[in-house]
């Protein structure tokens, strides 16, 4: 009935990105994003969907980038290890 006591039945999904926060590797981040700059990024979300986005970086910490996303017209938070490519605009 449960998959590690979460009440989810069935086999574990395949091809998903691991959601364990302890698995974050600082060395996986290849692109330096600076506050106040605008970038075009390739991003893969937690479900594995890839997208290209244009973001204006507001703040950067060890694990996350907070930025204005021009596609959704909202302030969003992106995990650094899910940013696959970055180009300064």
Protein backbone atom coordinates (compact mmCIF):
# COMPACT_ATOMS: atom_id res chain seq x y z
CA UNK A 1 0.00 0.00 0.00
CA UNK A 2 2.67 2.51 0.81
CA UNK A 3 5.95 3.52 -0.72
CA UNK A 4 8.05 4.36 2.35
CA UNK A 5 4.92 5.23 4.37
CA UNK A 6 3.61 7.99 2.08
CA UNK A 7 0.40 6.19 1.16
CA UNK A 8 1.34 5.96 -2.51
CA UNK A 9 0.60 2.66 -4.17
CA UNK A 10 2.25 1.19 -7.21
CA UNK A 11 5.83 1.07 -8.41
CA UNK A 12 8.17 4.01 -8.05
CA UNK A 13 8.16 6.33 -11.09
CA UNK A 14 11.10 5.96 -13.48
CA UNK A 15 13.19 8.76 -14.93
CA UNK A 16 12.30 11.31 -12.26
CA UNK A 17 14.80 13.67 -10.69
CA UNK A 18 15.66 12.69 -7.13
CA UNK A 19 13.94 15.06 -4.69
CA UNK A 20 16.22 14.29 -1.75
CA UNK A 21 17.67 17.61 -0.53
CA UNK A 22 20.75 15.82 0.79
CA UNK A 23 21.67 14.75 -2.75
CA UNK A 24 22.36 18.36 -3.84
CA UNK A 25 25.94 18.67 -5.01
CA UNK A 26 27.55 22.07 -5.02
CA UNK A 27 29.95 20.95 -7.75
CA UNK A 28 27.02 20.24 -10.10
CA UNK A 29 26.51 23.99 -10.62
CA UNK A 30 28.52 24.99 -13.69
CA UNK A 31 27.12 28.44 -14.39
CA UNK A 32 27.69 31.53 -12.30
CA UNK A 33 24.63 33.75 -12.13
CA UNK A 34 25.05 37.25 -10.72
CA UNK A 35 22.40 39.41 -9.10
CA UNK A 36 21.03 42.22 -11.24
CA UNK A 37 21.83 40.52 -14.57
CA UNK A 38 19.49 38.93 -17.12
CA UNK A 39 20.12 35.43 -18.46
CA UNK A 40 18.61 32.94 -20.86
CA UNK A 41 18.64 29.55 -19.14
CA UNK A 42 17.80 25.96 -19.99
CA UNK A 43 16.00 24.53 -16.97
CA UNK A 44 14.69 21.06 -16.08
CA UNK A 45 11.94 21.01 -13.45
CA UNK A 46 11.33 18.33 -10.81
CA UNK A 47 9.11 16.37 -13.21
CA UNK A 48 11.83 16.26 -15.86
CA UNK A 49 10.32 18.84 -18.24
CA UNK A 50 12.92 20.99 -19.97
CA UNK A 51 12.29 24.64 -20.85
CA UNK A 52 14.14 27.75 -21.95
CA UNK A 53 13.53 30.82 -19.82
CA UNK A 54 14.66 34.41 -19.66
CA UNK A 55 15.24 35.44 -16.06
CA UNK A 56 16.34 38.60 -14.25
CA UNK A 57 18.26 37.44 -11.17
CA UNK A 58 17.17 38.99 -7.86
CA UNK A 59 19.24 36.91 -5.42
CA UNK A 60 21.50 33.87 -5.38
CA UNK A 61 22.26 31.55 -2.47
CA UNK A 62 23.99 28.18 -2.14
CA UNK A 63 21.13 26.11 -3.57
CA UNK A 64 18.62 28.47 -5.22
CA UNK A 65 18.34 31.40 -7.64
CA UNK A 66 15.45 33.79 -7.08
CA UNK A 67 14.56 35.65 -10.25
CA UNK A 68 11.84 37.32 -12.29
CA UNK A 69 10.72 34.89 -15.02
CA UNK A 70 9.66 36.68 -18.21
CA UNK A 71 7.63 33.65 -19.41
CA UNK A 72 5.32 33.49 -16.40
CA UNK A 73 5.72 37.19 -15.46
CA UNK A 74 6.30 36.15 -11.85
CA UNK A 75 9.11 36.00 -9.34
CA UNK A 76 10.24 32.37 -9.25
CA UNK A 77 12.77 30.22 -7.43
CA UNK A 78 15.02 27.91 -9.47
CA UNK A 79 17.28 25.18 -8.11
CA UNK A 80 20.84 25.74 -9.27
CA UNK A 81 21.49 22.08 -9.99
CA UNK A 82 18.56 22.02 -12.44
CA UNK A 83 19.94 24.86 -14.57
CA UNK A 84 21.58 23.05 -17.47
CA UNK A 85 22.80 26.04 -19.51
CA UNK A 86 23.10 29.79 -18.99
CA UNK A 87 23.80 32.70 -21.33
CA UNK A 88 24.05 36.32 -20.21
CA UNK A 89 21.84 38.67 -22.22
